[in-house]
Amino acid sequence: MAETKYSESDLKEFNELIINKLELAQEDLDQLRASMSHKDDNTTEDTAPTFKMMEDGSETMSREETAALAARQEKFIQNLQNALLRIKNKTYGICRVTGKLIPKERLRLVPHATLSMEAKQRQ
């Protein structure tokens, strides 16, 4: 009979992995937010008007890209936090479609995964 949930030692390993990833992800998000808030900004306030228009357009695109990255990072952090809740609830590593255990190798690479590769490929 196949295992239906991970052992306490496995859950502890995944918990540590996720906490480490969460700390790094939060640092990245903080850096993205800082870059969007003009801290240490090299703006075009002291440049020629024509150059300033081109730079402002580029700056706007850059800010939009940074905002998109920040939103993606926030979603990643939320997924990691949800994974920690599943560890706490002892449901971590169980595919939400098949009910089978997601292989450890997959969880080590994608610790917030909720689908086995079998279920993911069916999507």
PDB file of N, CA and C in Angstrom:
ATOM      1  N   MET A   1       0.844  -1.198   0.000  1.00  0.00           N
ATOM      2  CA  MET A   1       0.000   0.000   0.000  1.00  0.00           C
ATOM      3  C   MET A   1       0.885   1.257   0.000  1.00  0.00           C
ATOM      4  N   ALA A   2       0.545   2.205  -0.818  1.00  0.00           N
ATOM      5  CA  ALA A   2       1.327   3.440  -0.946  1.00  0.00           C
ATOM      6  C   ALA A   2       1.101   4.338   0.265  1.00  0.00           C
ATOM      7  N   GLU A   3       2.123   5.131   0.577  1.00  0.00           N
ATOM      8  CA  GLU A   3       1.999   6.090   1.677  1.00  0.00           C
ATOM      9  C   GLU A   3       0.965   7.149   1.309  1.00  0.00           C
ATOM     10  N   THR A   4       0.238   7.623   2.315  1.00  0.00           N
ATOM     11  CA  THR A   4      -0.760   8.652   2.048  1.00  0.00           C
ATOM     12  C   THR A   4      -0.386  10.004   2.621  1.00  0.00           C
ATOM     13  N   LYS A   5       0.675  10.037   3.459  1.00  0.00           N
ATOM     14  CA  LYS A   5       1.185  11.332   3.923  1.00  0.00           C
ATOM     15  C   LYS A   5       2.636  11.176   4.352  1.00  0.00           C
ATOM     16  N   TYR A   6       3.320  12.318   4.423  1.00  0.00           N
ATOM     17  CA  TYR A   6       4.731  12.319   4.773  1.00  0.00           C
ATOM     18  C   TYR A   6       4.925  12.222   6.284  1.00  0.00           C
ATOM     19  N   SER A   7       6.082  11.674   6.676  1.00  0.00           N
ATOM     20  CA  SER A   7       6.418  11.514   8.091  1.00  0.00           C
ATOM     21  C   SER A   7       6.737  12.873   8.709  1.00  0.00           C
ATOM     22  N   GLU A   8       6.801  12.890  10.038  1.00  0.00           N
ATOM     23  CA  GLU A   8       7.137  14.119  10.759  1.00  0.00           C
ATOM     24  C   GLU A   8       8.514  14.642  10.342  1.00  0.00           C
ATOM     25  N   SER A   9       9.482  13.732  10.161  1.00  0.00           N
ATOM     26  CA  SER A   9      10.832  14.175   9.777  1.00  0.00           C
ATOM     27  C   SER A   9      10.830  14.758   8.363  1.00  0.00           C
ATOM     28  N   ASP A  10      10.042  14.163   7.459  1.00  0.00           N
ATOM     29  CA  ASP A  10       9.916  14.718   6.109  1.00  0.00           C
ATOM     30  C   ASP A  10       9.279  16.108   6.163  1.00  0.00           C
ATOM     31  N   LEU A  11       8.222  16.245   6.961  1.00  0.00           N
ATOM     32  CA  LEU A  11       7.542  17.534   7.075  1.00  0.00           C
ATOM     33  C   LEU A  11       8.470  18.593   7.675  1.00  0.00           C
ATOM     34  N   LYS A  12       9.300  18.171   8.619  1.00  0.00           N
ATOM     35  CA  LYS A  12      10.255  19.112   9.215  1.00  0.00           C
ATOM     36  C   LYS A  12      11.257  19.584   8.163  1.00  0.00           C
ATOM     37  N   GLU A  13      11.746  18.656   7.334  1.00  0.00           N
ATOM     38  CA  GLU A  13      12.681  19.009   6.259  1.00  0.00           C
ATOM     39  C   GLU A  13      12.042  20.015   5.304  1.00  0.00           C
ATOM     40  N   PHE A  14      10.802  19.741   4.885  1.00  0.00           N
ATOM     41  CA  PHE A  14      10.116  20.637   3.961  1.00  0.00           C
ATOM     42  C   PHE A  14       9.817  21.980   4.618  1.00  0.00           C
ATOM     43  N   ASN A  15       9.487  21.965   5.901  1.00  0.00           N
ATOM     44  CA  ASN A  15       9.224  23.205   6.624  1.00  0.00           C
ATOM     45  C   ASN A  15      10.457  24.111   6.598  1.00  0.00           C
ATOM     46  N   GLU A  16      11.633  23.544   6.872  1.00  0.00           N
ATOM     47  CA  GLU A  16      12.876  24.325   6.852  1.00  0.00           C
ATOM     48  C   GLU A  16      13.169  24.858   5.450  1.00  0.00           C
ATOM     49  N   LEU A  17      12.968  24.010   4.447  1.00  0.00           N
ATOM     50  CA  LEU A  17      13.188  24.414   3.056  1.00  0.00           C
ATOM     51  C   LEU A  17      12.288  25.595   2.695  1.00  0.00           C
ATOM     52  N   ILE A  18      11.022  25.495   3.068  1.00  0.00           N
ATOM     53  CA  ILE A  18      10.059  26.547   2.728  1.00  0.00           C
ATOM     54  C   ILE A  18      10.369  27.838   3.486  1.00  0.00           C
ATOM     55  N   ILE A  19      10.734  27.729   4.748  1.00  0.00           N
ATOM     56  CA  ILE A  19      11.064  28.933   5.517  1.00  0.00           C
ATOM     57  C   ILE A  19      12.260  29.647   4.892  1.00  0.00           C
ATOM     58  N   ASN A  20      13.277  28.882   4.468  1.00  0.00           N
ATOM     59  CA  ASN A  20      14.437  29.498   3.805  1.00  0.00           C
ATOM     60  C   ASN A  20      14.026  30.186   2.512  1.00  0.00           C
ATOM     61  N   LYS A  21      13.200  29.524   1.702  1.00  0.00           N
ATOM     62  CA  LYS A  21      12.730  30.126   0.446  1.00  0.00           C
ATOM     63  C   LYS A  21      11.880  31.364   0.730  1.00  0.00           C
ATOM     64  N   LEU A  22      11.091  31.302   1.778  1.00  0.00           N
ATOM     65  CA  LEU A  22      10.233  32.424   2.142  1.00  0.00           C
ATOM     66  C   LEU A  22      11.061  33.643   2.538  1.00  0.00           C
ATOM     67  N   GLU A  23      12.127  33.435   3.291  1.00  0.00           N
ATOM     68  CA  GLU A  23      12.995  34.549   3.686  1.00  0.00           C
ATOM     69  C   GLU A  23      13.640  35.196   2.459  1.00  0.00           C
ATOM     70  N   LEU A  24      14.138  34.365   1.537  1.00  0.00           N
ATOM     71  CA  LEU A  24      14.749  34.902   0.312  1.00  0.00           C
ATOM     72  C   LEU A  24      13.721  35.630  -0.544  1.00  0.00           C
ATOM     73  N   ALA A  25      12.541  35.061  -0.653  1.00  0.00           N
ATOM     74  CA  ALA A  25      11.482  35.679  -1.461  1.00  0.00           C
ATOM     75  C   ALA A  25      11.074  37.025  -0.872  1.00  0.00           C
ATOM     76  N   GLN A  26      11.016  37.107   0.453  1.00  0.00           N
ATOM     77  CA  GLN A  26      10.647  38.372   1.099  1.00  0.00           C
ATOM     78  C   GLN A  26      11.725  39.427   0.875  1.00  0.00           C
ATOM     79  N   GLU A  27      12.992  39.017   0.925  1.00  0.00           N
ATOM     80  CA  GLU A  27      14.094  39.952   0.646  1.00  0.00           C
ATOM     81  C   GLU A  27      13.988  40.492  -0.783  1.00  0.00           C
ATOM     82  N   ASP A  28      13.697  39.584  -1.732  1.00  0.00           N
ATOM     83  CA  ASP A  28      13.537  40.008  -3.128  1.00  0.00           C
ATOM     84  C   ASP A  28      12.377  40.988  -3.267  1.00  0.00           C
ATOM     85  N   LEU A  29      11.270  40.695  -2.598  1.00  0.00           N
ATOM     86  CA  LEU A  29      10.102  41.577  -2.671  1.00  0.00           C
ATOM     87  C   LEU A  29      10.437  42.944  -2.071  1.00  0.00           C
ATOM     88  N   ASP A  30      11.145  42.949  -0.961  1.00  0.00           N
ATOM     89  CA  ASP A  30      11.536  44.221  -0.340  1.00  0.00           C
ATOM     90  C   ASP A  30      12.399  45.049  -1.290  1.00  0.00           C
ATOM     91  N   GLN A  31      13.309  44.394  -2.003  1.00  0.00           N
ATOM     92  CA  GLN A  31      14.155  45.097  -2.968  1.00  0.00           C
ATOM     93  C   GLN A  31      13.323  45.650  -4.123  1.00  0.00           C
ATOM     94  N   LEU A  32      12.368  44.875  -4.602  1.00  0.00           N
ATOM     95  CA  LEU A  32      11.507  45.347  -5.687  1.00  0.00           C
ATOM     96  C   LEU A  32      10.694  46.552  -5.239  1.00  0.00           C
ATOM     97  N   ARG A  33      10.140  46.480  -4.041  1.00  0.00           N
ATOM     98  CA  ARG A  33       9.352  47.606  -3.523  1.00  0.00           C
ATOM     99  C   ARG A  33      10.220  48.848  -3.344  1.00  0.00           C
ATOM    100  N   ALA A  34      11.443  48.652  -2.867  1.00  0.00           N
ATOM    101  CA  ALA A  34      12.356  49.792  -2.688  1.00  0.00           C
ATOM    102  C   ALA A  34      12.674  50.436  -4.032  1.00  0.00           C
ATOM    103  N   SER A  35      12.858  49.636  -5.060  1.00  0.00           N
ATOM    104  CA  SER A  35      13.174  50.200  -6.374  1.00  0.00           C
ATOM    105  C   SER A  35      11.975  50.941  -6.964  1.00  0.00           C
ATOM    106  N   MET A  36      10.764  50.543  -6.561  1.00  0.00           N
ATOM    107  CA  MET A  36       9.574  51.245  -7.061  1.00  0.00           C
ATOM    108  C   MET A  36       9.314  52.546  -6.299  1.00  0.00           C
ATOM    109  N   SER A  37       9.894  52.677  -5.112  1.00  0.00           N
ATOM    110  CA  SER A  37       9.605  53.855  -4.296  1.00  0.00           C
ATOM    111  C   SER A  37      10.618  54.979  -4.485  1.00  0.00           C
ATOM    112  N   HIS A  38      11.439  54.885  -5.514  1.00  0.00           N
ATOM    113  CA  HIS A  38      12.409  55.939  -5.865  1.00  0.00           C
ATOM    114  C   HIS A  38      13.548  56.110  -4.876  1.00  0.00           C
ATOM    115  N   LYS A  39      13.774  55.170  -3.991  1.00  0.00           N
ATOM    116  CA  LYS A  39      14.906  55.315  -3.076  1.00  0.00           C
ATOM    117  C   LYS A  39      16.183  55.278  -3.892  1.00  0.00           C
ATOM    118  N   ASP A  40      17.082  56.185  -3.612  1.00  0.00           N
ATOM    119  CA  ASP A  40      18.357  56.281  -4.339  1.00  0.00           C
ATOM    120  C   ASP A  40      18.124  56.337  -5.843  1.00  0.00           C
ATOM    121  N   ASP A  41      17.144  57.111  -6.243  1.00  0.00           N
ATOM    122  CA  ASP A  41      16.739  57.160  -7.648  1.00  0.00           C
ATOM    123  C   ASP A  41      17.612  58.119  -8.444  1.00  0.00           C
ATOM    124  N   ASN A  42      17.964  57.718  -9.628  1.00  0.00           N
ATOM    125  CA  ASN A  42      18.670  58.590 -10.565  1.00  0.00           C
ATOM    126  C   ASN A  42      17.663  59.025 -11.622  1.00  0.00           C
ATOM    127  N   THR A  43      16.884  60.028 -11.310  1.00  0.00           N
ATOM    128  CA  THR A  43      15.836  60.460 -12.231  1.00  0.00           C
ATOM    129  C   THR A  43      16.394  61.412 -13.270  1.00  0.00           C
ATOM    130  N   THR A  44      15.499  61.871 -14.143  1.00  0.00           N
ATOM    131  CA  THR A  44      15.891  62.758 -15.244  1.00  0.00           C
ATOM    132  C   THR A  44      15.551  64.214 -14.939  1.00  0.00           C
ATOM    133  N   GLU A  45      15.357  64.550 -13.686  1.00  0.00           N
ATOM    134  CA  GLU A  45      14.945  65.908 -13.326  1.00  0.00           C
ATOM    135  C   GLU A  45      15.943  66.973 -13.767  1.00  0.00           C
ATOM    136  N   ASP A  46      17.203  66.621 -13.902  1.00  0.00           N
ATOM    137  CA  ASP A  46      18.206  67.628 -14.242  1.00  0.00           C
ATOM    138  C   ASP A  46      18.741  67.474 -15.669  1.00  0.00           C
ATOM    139  N   THR A  47      17.970  66.859 -16.552  1.00  0.00           N
ATOM    140  CA  THR A  47      18.443  66.640 -17.923  1.00  0.00           C
ATOM    141  C   THR A  47      17.642  67.473 -18.909  1.00  0.00           C
ATOM    142  N   ALA A  48      18.112  67.472 -20.162  1.00  0.00           N
ATOM    143  CA  ALA A  48      17.452  68.245 -21.225  1.00  0.00           C
ATOM    144  C   ALA A  48      16.041  67.714 -21.468  1.00  0.00           C
ATOM    145  N   PRO A  49      15.080  68.588 -21.859  1.00  0.00           N
ATOM    146  CA  PRO A  49      13.677  68.196 -22.034  1.00  0.00           C
ATOM    147  C   PRO A  49      13.460  67.021 -23.004  1.00  0.00           C
ATOM    148  N   THR A  50      14.131  67.007 -24.157  1.00  0.00           N
ATOM    149  CA  THR A  50      13.931  65.927 -25.122  1.00  0.00           C
ATOM    150  C   THR A  50      14.386  64.594 -24.553  1.00  0.00           C
ATOM    151  N   PHE A  51      15.550  64.595 -23.966  1.00  0.00           N
ATOM    152  CA  PHE A  51      16.071  63.369 -23.371  1.00  0.00           C
ATOM    153  C   PHE A  51      15.184  62.928 -22.211  1.00  0.00           C
ATOM    154  N   LYS A  52      14.674  63.907 -21.463  1.00  0.00           N
ATOM    155  CA  LYS A  52      13.819  63.630 -20.316  1.00  0.00           C
ATOM    156  C   LYS A  52      12.560  62.882 -20.751  1.00  0.00           C
ATOM    157  N   MET A  53      11.941  63.255 -21.863  1.00  0.00           N
ATOM    158  CA  MET A  53      10.722  62.580 -22.340  1.00  0.00           C
ATOM    159  C   MET A  53      10.999  61.114 -22.658  1.00  0.00           C
ATOM    160  N   MET A  54      12.103  60.857 -23.346  1.00  0.00           N
ATOM    161  CA  MET A  54      12.449  59.475 -23.695  1.00  0.00           C
ATOM    162  C   MET A  54      12.731  58.668 -22.431  1.00  0.00           C
ATOM    163  N   GLU A  55      13.460  59.260 -21.500  1.00  0.00           N
ATOM    164  CA  GLU A  55      13.815  58.569 -20.268  1.00  0.00           C
ATOM    165  C   GLU A  55      12.580  58.299 -19.413  1.00  0.00           C
ATOM    166  N   ASP A  56      11.648  59.265 -19.354  1.00  0.00           N
ATOM    167  CA  ASP A  56      10.440  59.075 -18.559  1.00  0.00           C
ATOM    168  C   ASP A  56       9.604  57.917 -19.098  1.00  0.00           C
ATOM    169  N   GLY A  57       9.534  57.777 -20.418  1.00  0.00           N
ATOM    170  CA  GLY A  57       8.804  56.651 -21.017  1.00  0.00           C
ATOM    171  C   GLY A  57       9.446  55.333 -20.654  1.00  0.00           C
ATOM    172  N   SER A  58      10.755  55.298 -20.719  1.00  0.00           N
ATOM    173  CA  SER A  58      11.494  54.094 -20.351  1.00  0.00           C
ATOM    174  C   SER A  58      11.328  53.800 -18.868  1.00  0.00           C
ATOM    175  N   GLU A  59      11.353  54.847 -18.072  1.00  0.00           N
ATOM    176  CA  GLU A  59      11.192  54.688 -16.623  1.00  0.00           C
ATOM    177  C   GLU A  59       9.815  54.124 -16.286  1.00  0.00           C
ATOM    178  N   THR A  60       8.781  54.588 -16.995  1.00  0.00           N
ATOM    179  CA  THR A  60       7.427  54.091 -16.763  1.00  0.00           C
ATOM    180  C   THR A  60       7.338  52.607 -17.092  1.00  0.00           C
ATOM    181  N   MET A  61       7.929  52.190 -18.221  1.00  0.00           N
ATOM    182  CA  MET A  61       7.931  50.768 -18.577  1.00  0.00           C
ATOM    183  C   MET A  61       8.664  49.957 -17.525  1.00  0.00           C
ATOM    184  N   SER A  62       9.780  50.481 -17.065  1.00  0.00           N
ATOM    185  CA  SER A  62      10.566  49.777 -16.058  1.00  0.00           C
ATOM    186  C   SER A  62       9.775  49.626 -14.760  1.00  0.00           C
ATOM    187  N   ARG A  63       9.066  50.670 -14.376  1.00  0.00           N
ATOM    188  CA  ARG A  63       8.245  50.603 -13.157  1.00  0.00           C
ATOM    189  C   ARG A  63       7.112  49.597 -13.317  1.00  0.00           C
ATOM    190  N   GLU A  64       6.512  49.535 -14.494  1.00  0.00           N
ATOM    191  CA  GLU A  64       5.443  48.557 -14.736  1.00  0.00           C
ATOM    192  C   GLU A  64       5.986  47.137 -14.645  1.00  0.00           C
ATOM    193  N   GLU A  65       7.164  46.929 -15.225  1.00  0.00           N
ATOM    194  CA  GLU A  65       7.789  45.602 -15.149  1.00  0.00           C
ATOM    195  C   GLU A  65       8.121  45.252 -13.706  1.00  0.00           C
ATOM    196  N   THR A  66       8.624  46.205 -12.961  1.00  0.00           N
ATOM    197  CA  THR A  66       8.962  45.973 -11.553  1.00  0.00           C
ATOM    198  C   THR A  66       7.704  45.677 -10.750  1.00  0.00           C
ATOM    199  N   ALA A  67       6.625  46.399 -11.027  1.00  0.00           N
ATOM    200  CA  ALA A  67       5.359  46.154 -10.327  1.00  0.00           C
ATOM    201  C   ALA A  67       4.840  44.752 -10.637  1.00  0.00           C
ATOM    202  N   ALA A  68       4.977  44.320 -11.893  1.00  0.00           N
ATOM    203  CA  ALA A  68       4.544  42.968 -12.271  1.00  0.00           C
ATOM    204  C   ALA A  68       5.387  41.914 -11.554  1.00  0.00           C
ATOM    205  N   LEU A  69       6.689  42.162 -11.474  1.00  0.00           N
ATOM    206  CA  LEU A  69       7.563  41.234 -10.753  1.00  0.00           C
ATOM    207  C   LEU A  69       7.200  41.180  -9.271  1.00  0.00           C
ATOM    208  N   ALA A  70       6.897  42.331  -8.700  1.00  0.00           N
ATOM    209  CA  ALA A  70       6.520  42.389  -7.286  1.00  0.00           C
ATOM    210  C   ALA A  70       5.218  41.628  -7.047  1.00  0.00           C
ATOM    211  N   ALA A  71       4.256  41.777  -7.940  1.00  0.00           N
ATOM    212  CA  ALA A  71       2.987  41.058  -7.800  1.00  0.00           C
ATOM    213  C   ALA A  71       3.215  39.548  -7.893  1.00  0.00           C
ATOM    214  N   ARG A  72       4.067  39.156  -8.806  1.00  0.00           N
ATOM    215  CA  ARG A  72       4.382  37.729  -8.957  1.00  0.00           C
ATOM    216  C   ARG A  72       5.085  37.201  -7.698  1.00  0.00           C
ATOM    217  N   GLN A  73       5.974  38.011  -7.144  1.00  0.00           N
ATOM    218  CA  GLN A  73       6.697  37.623  -5.934  1.00  0.00           C
ATOM    219  C   GLN A  73       5.737  37.508  -4.750  1.00  0.00           C
ATOM    220  N   GLU A  74       4.775  38.422  -4.672  1.00  0.00           N
ATOM    221  CA  GLU A  74       3.769  38.358  -3.603  1.00  0.00           C
ATOM    222  C   GLU A  74       2.959  37.071  -3.700  1.00  0.00           C
ATOM    223  N   LYS A  75       2.616  36.680  -4.913  1.00  0.00           N
ATOM    224  CA  LYS A  75       1.864  35.432  -5.118  1.00  0.00           C
ATOM    225  C   LYS A  75       2.708  34.228  -4.705  1.00  0.00           C
ATOM    226  N   PHE A  76       3.999  34.241  -5.042  1.00  0.00           N
ATOM    227  CA  PHE A  76       4.914  33.170  -4.667  1.00  0.00           C
ATOM    228  C   PHE A  76       4.997  33.058  -3.142  1.00  0.00           C
ATOM    229  N   ILE A  77       5.112  34.203  -2.461  1.00  0.00           N
ATOM    230  CA  ILE A  77       5.172  34.222  -0.996  1.00  0.00           C
ATOM    231  C   ILE A  77       3.888  33.654  -0.410  1.00  0.00           C
ATOM    232  N   GLN A  78       2.757  34.034  -0.965  1.00  0.00           N
ATOM    233  CA  GLN A  78       1.472  33.513  -0.475  1.00  0.00           C
ATOM    234  C   GLN A  78       1.400  31.996  -0.664  1.00  0.00           C
ATOM    235  N   ASN A  79       1.889  31.505  -1.805  1.00  0.00           N
ATOM    236  CA  ASN A  79       1.898  30.060  -2.043  1.00  0.00           C
ATOM    237  C   ASN A  79       2.793  29.333  -1.042  1.00  0.00           C
ATOM    238  N   LEU A  80       3.943  29.933  -0.709  1.00  0.00           N
ATOM    239  CA  LEU A  80       4.828  29.330   0.286  1.00  0.00           C
ATOM    240  C   LEU A  80       4.173  29.332   1.673  1.00  0.00           C
ATOM    241  N   GLN A  81       3.496  30.424   2.007  1.00  0.00           N
ATOM    242  CA  GLN A  81       2.802  30.490   3.299  1.00  0.00           C
ATOM    243  C   GLN A  81       1.684  29.447   3.369  1.00  0.00           C
ATOM    244  N   ASN A  82       0.996  29.247   2.243  1.00  0.00           N
ATOM    245  CA  ASN A  82      -0.040  28.216   2.194  1.00  0.00           C
ATOM    246  C   ASN A  82       0.559  26.825   2.378  1.00  0.00           C
ATOM    247  N   ALA A  83       1.752  26.612   1.819  1.00  0.00           N
ATOM    248  CA  ALA A  83       2.442  25.330   1.986  1.00  0.00           C
ATOM    249  C   ALA A  83       2.771  25.096   3.457  1.00  0.00           C
ATOM    250  N   LEU A  84       3.185  26.150   4.170  1.00  0.00           N
ATOM    251  CA  LEU A  84       3.455  26.015   5.601  1.00  0.00           C
ATOM    252  C   LEU A  84       2.186  25.635   6.366  1.00  0.00           C
ATOM    253  N   LEU A  85       1.060  26.171   5.958  1.00  0.00           N
ATOM    254  CA  LEU A  85      -0.224  25.800   6.586  1.00  0.00           C
ATOM    255  C   LEU A  85      -0.545  24.326   6.334  1.00  0.00           C
ATOM    256  N   ARG A  86      -0.262  23.867   5.120  1.00  0.00           N
ATOM    257  CA  ARG A  86      -0.518  22.451   4.817  1.00  0.00           C
ATOM    258  C   ARG A  86       0.388  21.548   5.642  1.00  0.00           C
ATOM    259  N   ILE A  87       1.620  21.991   5.896  1.00  0.00           N
ATOM    260  CA  ILE A  87       2.516  21.214   6.762  1.00  0.00           C
ATOM    261  C   ILE A  87       1.919  21.148   8.164  1.00  0.00           C
ATOM    262  N   LYS A  88       1.480  22.282   8.656  1.00  0.00           N
ATOM    263  CA  LYS A  88       0.877  22.346   9.993  1.00  0.00           C
ATOM    264  C   LYS A  88      -0.352  21.441  10.085  1.00  0.00           C
ATOM    265  N   ASN A  89      -1.136  21.402   9.013  1.00  0.00           N
ATOM    266  CA  ASN A  89      -2.363  20.591   8.974  1.00  0.00           C
ATOM    267  C   ASN A  89      -2.112  19.132   8.585  1.00  0.00           C
ATOM    268  N   LYS A  90      -0.837  18.809   8.316  1.00  0.00           N
ATOM    269  CA  LYS A  90      -0.435  17.446   7.918  1.00  0.00           C
ATOM    270  C   LYS A  90      -1.033  17.007   6.581  1.00  0.00           C
ATOM    271  N   THR A  91      -1.320  17.979   5.724  1.00  0.00           N
ATOM    272  CA  THR A  91      -1.837  17.655   4.389  1.00  0.00           C
ATOM    273  C   THR A  91      -0.820  17.990   3.305  1.00  0.00           C
ATOM    274  N   TYR A  92       0.379  18.389   3.721  1.00  0.00           N
ATOM    275  CA  TYR A  92       1.408  18.805   2.775  1.00  0.00           C
ATOM    276  C   TYR A  92       1.857  17.620   1.920  1.00  0.00           C
ATOM    277  N   GLY A  93       2.051  17.894   0.627  1.00  0.00           N
ATOM    278  CA  GLY A  93       2.599  16.892  -0.280  1.00  0.00           C
ATOM    279  C   GLY A  93       1.567  15.949  -0.866  1.00  0.00           C
ATOM    280  N   ILE A  94       0.308  16.188  -0.564  1.00  0.00           N
ATOM    281  CA  ILE A  94      -0.763  15.350  -1.107  1.00  0.00           C
ATOM    282  C   ILE A  94      -1.382  16.077  -2.297  1.00  0.00           C
ATOM    283  N   CYS A  95      -1.391  15.416  -3.449  1.00  0.00           N
ATOM    284  CA  CYS A  95      -1.955  16.013  -4.660  1.00  0.00           C
ATOM    285  C   CYS A  95      -3.438  16.289  -4.451  1.00  0.00           C
ATOM    286  N   ARG A  96      -3.864  17.506  -4.768  1.00  0.00           N
ATOM    287  CA  ARG A  96      -5.264  17.875  -4.553  1.00  0.00           C
ATOM    288  C   ARG A  96      -6.202  17.272  -5.588  1.00  0.00           C
ATOM    289  N   VAL A  97      -5.653  16.675  -6.650  1.00  0.00           N
ATOM    290  CA  VAL A  97      -6.488  16.033  -7.672  1.00  0.00           C
ATOM    291  C   VAL A  97      -6.523  14.520  -7.477  1.00  0.00           C
ATOM    292  N   THR A  98      -5.346  13.911  -7.372  1.00  0.00           N
ATOM    293  CA  THR A  98      -5.278  12.443  -7.302  1.00  0.00           C
ATOM    294  C   THR A  98      -5.314  11.916  -5.874  1.00  0.00           C
ATOM    295  N   GLY A  99      -4.956  12.747  -4.894  1.00  0.00           N
ATOM    296  CA  GLY A  99      -4.911  12.288  -3.511  1.00  0.00           C
ATOM    297  C   GLY A  99      -3.656  11.489  -3.191  1.00  0.00           C
ATOM    298  N   LYS A 100      -2.769  11.352  -4.168  1.00  0.00           N
ATOM    299  CA  LYS A 100      -1.526  10.613  -3.967  1.00  0.00           C
ATOM    300  C   LYS A 100      -0.433  11.560  -3.476  1.00  0.00           C
ATOM    301  N   LEU A 101       0.620  10.965  -2.920  1.00  0.00           N
ATOM    302  CA  LEU A 101       1.762  11.780  -2.495  1.00  0.00           C
ATOM    303  C   LEU A 101       2.510  12.338  -3.699  1.00  0.00           C
ATOM    304  N   ILE A 102       2.840  13.600  -3.618  1.00  0.00           N
ATOM    305  CA  ILE A 102       3.687  14.228  -4.630  1.00  0.00           C
ATOM    306  C   ILE A 102       5.115  13.790  -4.309  1.00  0.00           C
ATOM    307  N   PRO A 103       5.888  13.322  -5.291  1.00  0.00           N
ATOM    308  CA  PRO A 103       7.260  12.866  -5.009  1.00  0.00           C
ATOM    309  C   PRO A 103       8.119  13.944  -4.339  1.00  0.00           C
ATOM    310  N   LYS A 104       8.977  13.488  -3.432  1.00  0.00           N
ATOM    311  CA  LYS A 104       9.852  14.408  -2.699  1.00  0.00           C
ATOM    312  C   LYS A 104      10.704  15.254  -3.638  1.00  0.00           C
ATOM    313  N   GLU A 105      11.173  14.653  -4.722  1.00  0.00           N
ATOM    314  CA  GLU A 105      12.021  15.382  -5.666  1.00  0.00           C
ATOM    315  C   GLU A 105      11.290  16.606  -6.208  1.00  0.00           C
ATOM    316  N   ARG A 106      10.013  16.442  -6.531  1.00  0.00           N
ATOM    317  CA  ARG A 106       9.215  17.564  -7.037  1.00  0.00           C
ATOM    318  C   ARG A 106       9.036  18.630  -5.954  1.00  0.00           C
ATOM    319  N   LEU A 107       8.755  18.188  -4.745  1.00  0.00           N
ATOM    320  CA  LEU A 107       8.536  19.143  -3.657  1.00  0.00           C
ATOM    321  C   LEU A 107       9.813  19.877  -3.282  1.00  0.00           C
ATOM    322  N   ARG A 108      10.951  19.247  -3.456  1.00  0.00           N
ATOM    323  CA  ARG A 108      12.202  19.945  -3.169  1.00  0.00           C
ATOM    324  C   ARG A 108      12.460  21.045  -4.198  1.00  0.00           C
ATOM    325  N   LEU A 109      12.020  20.821  -5.420  1.00  0.00           N
ATOM    326  CA  LEU A 109      12.187  21.833  -6.475  1.00  0.00           C
ATOM    327  C   LEU A 109      11.083  22.886  -6.434  1.00  0.00           C
ATOM    328  N   VAL A 110       9.861  22.435  -6.178  1.00  0.00           N
ATOM    329  CA  VAL A 110       8.691  23.324  -6.140  1.00  0.00           C
ATOM    330  C   VAL A 110       7.960  23.046  -4.820  1.00  0.00           C
ATOM    331  N   PRO A 111       8.465  23.591  -3.712  1.00  0.00           N
ATOM    332  CA  PRO A 111       7.921  23.219  -2.402  1.00  0.00           C
ATOM    333  C   PRO A 111       6.470  23.635  -2.159  1.00  0.00           C
ATOM    334  N   HIS A 112       5.942  24.505  -2.999  1.00  0.00           N
ATOM    335  CA  HIS A 112       4.553  24.930  -2.826  1.00  0.00           C
ATOM    336  C   HIS A 112       3.606  24.176  -3.770  1.00  0.00           C
ATOM    337  N   ALA A 113       4.113  23.131  -4.432  1.00  0.00           N
ATOM    338  CA  ALA A 113       3.299  22.372  -5.385  1.00  0.00           C
ATOM    339  C   ALA A 113       2.103  21.722  -4.682  1.00  0.00           C
ATOM    340  N   THR A 114       0.975  21.752  -5.361  1.00  0.00           N
ATOM    341  CA  THR A 114      -0.228  21.086  -4.838  1.00  0.00           C
ATOM    342  C   THR A 114      -0.712  19.996  -5.797  1.00  0.00           C
ATOM    343  N   LEU A 115      -0.001  19.855  -6.912  1.00  0.00           N
ATOM    344  CA  LEU A 115      -0.362  18.849  -7.910  1.00  0.00           C
ATOM    345  C   LEU A 115       0.825  17.946  -8.209  1.00  0.00           C
ATOM    346  N   SER A 116       0.546  16.677  -8.385  1.00  0.00           N
ATOM    347  CA  SER A 116       1.572  15.760  -8.858  1.00  0.00           C
ATOM    348  C   SER A 116       1.792  16.044 -10.343  1.00  0.00           C
ATOM    349  N   MET A 117       2.870  15.533 -10.890  1.00  0.00           N
ATOM    350  CA  MET A 117       3.125  15.741 -12.320  1.00  0.00           C
ATOM    351  C   MET A 117       2.003  15.111 -13.147  1.00  0.00           C
ATOM    352  N   GLU A 118       1.499  13.987 -12.707  1.00  0.00           N
ATOM    353  CA  GLU A 118       0.393  13.311 -13.390  1.00  0.00           C
ATOM    354  C   GLU A 118      -0.819  14.245 -13.506  1.00  0.00           C
ATOM    355  N   ALA A 119      -1.185  14.863 -12.405  1.00  0.00           N
ATOM    356  CA  ALA A 119      -2.331  15.784 -12.402  1.00  0.00           C
ATOM    357  C   ALA A 119      -2.003  17.056 -13.183  1.00  0.00           C
ATOM    358  N   LYS A 120      -0.777  17.540 -13.074  1.00  0.00           N
ATOM    359  CA  LYS A 120      -0.373  18.769 -13.771  1.00  0.00           C
ATOM    360  C   LYS A 120      -0.451  18.570 -15.282  1.00  0.00           C
ATOM    361  N   GLN A 121      -0.046  17.398 -15.746  1.00  0.00           N
ATOM    362  CA  GLN A 121      -0.058  17.127 -17.188  1.00  0.00           C
ATOM    363  C   GLN A 121      -1.478  16.983 -17.736  1.00  0.00           C
ATOM    364  N   ARG A 122      -2.407  16.630 -16.893  1.00  0.00           N
ATOM    365  CA  ARG A 122      -3.818  16.512 -17.316  1.00  0.00           C
ATOM    366  C   ARG A 122      -4.464  17.868 -17.560  1.00  0.00           C
ATOM    367  N   GLN A 123      -3.893  18.915 -16.946  1.00  0.00           N
ATOM    368  CA  GLN A 123      -4.499  20.261 -17.053  1.00  0.00           C
ATOM    369  C   GLN A 123      -4.489  20.770 -18.473  1.00  0.00           C
TER     370      GLN A 123
END
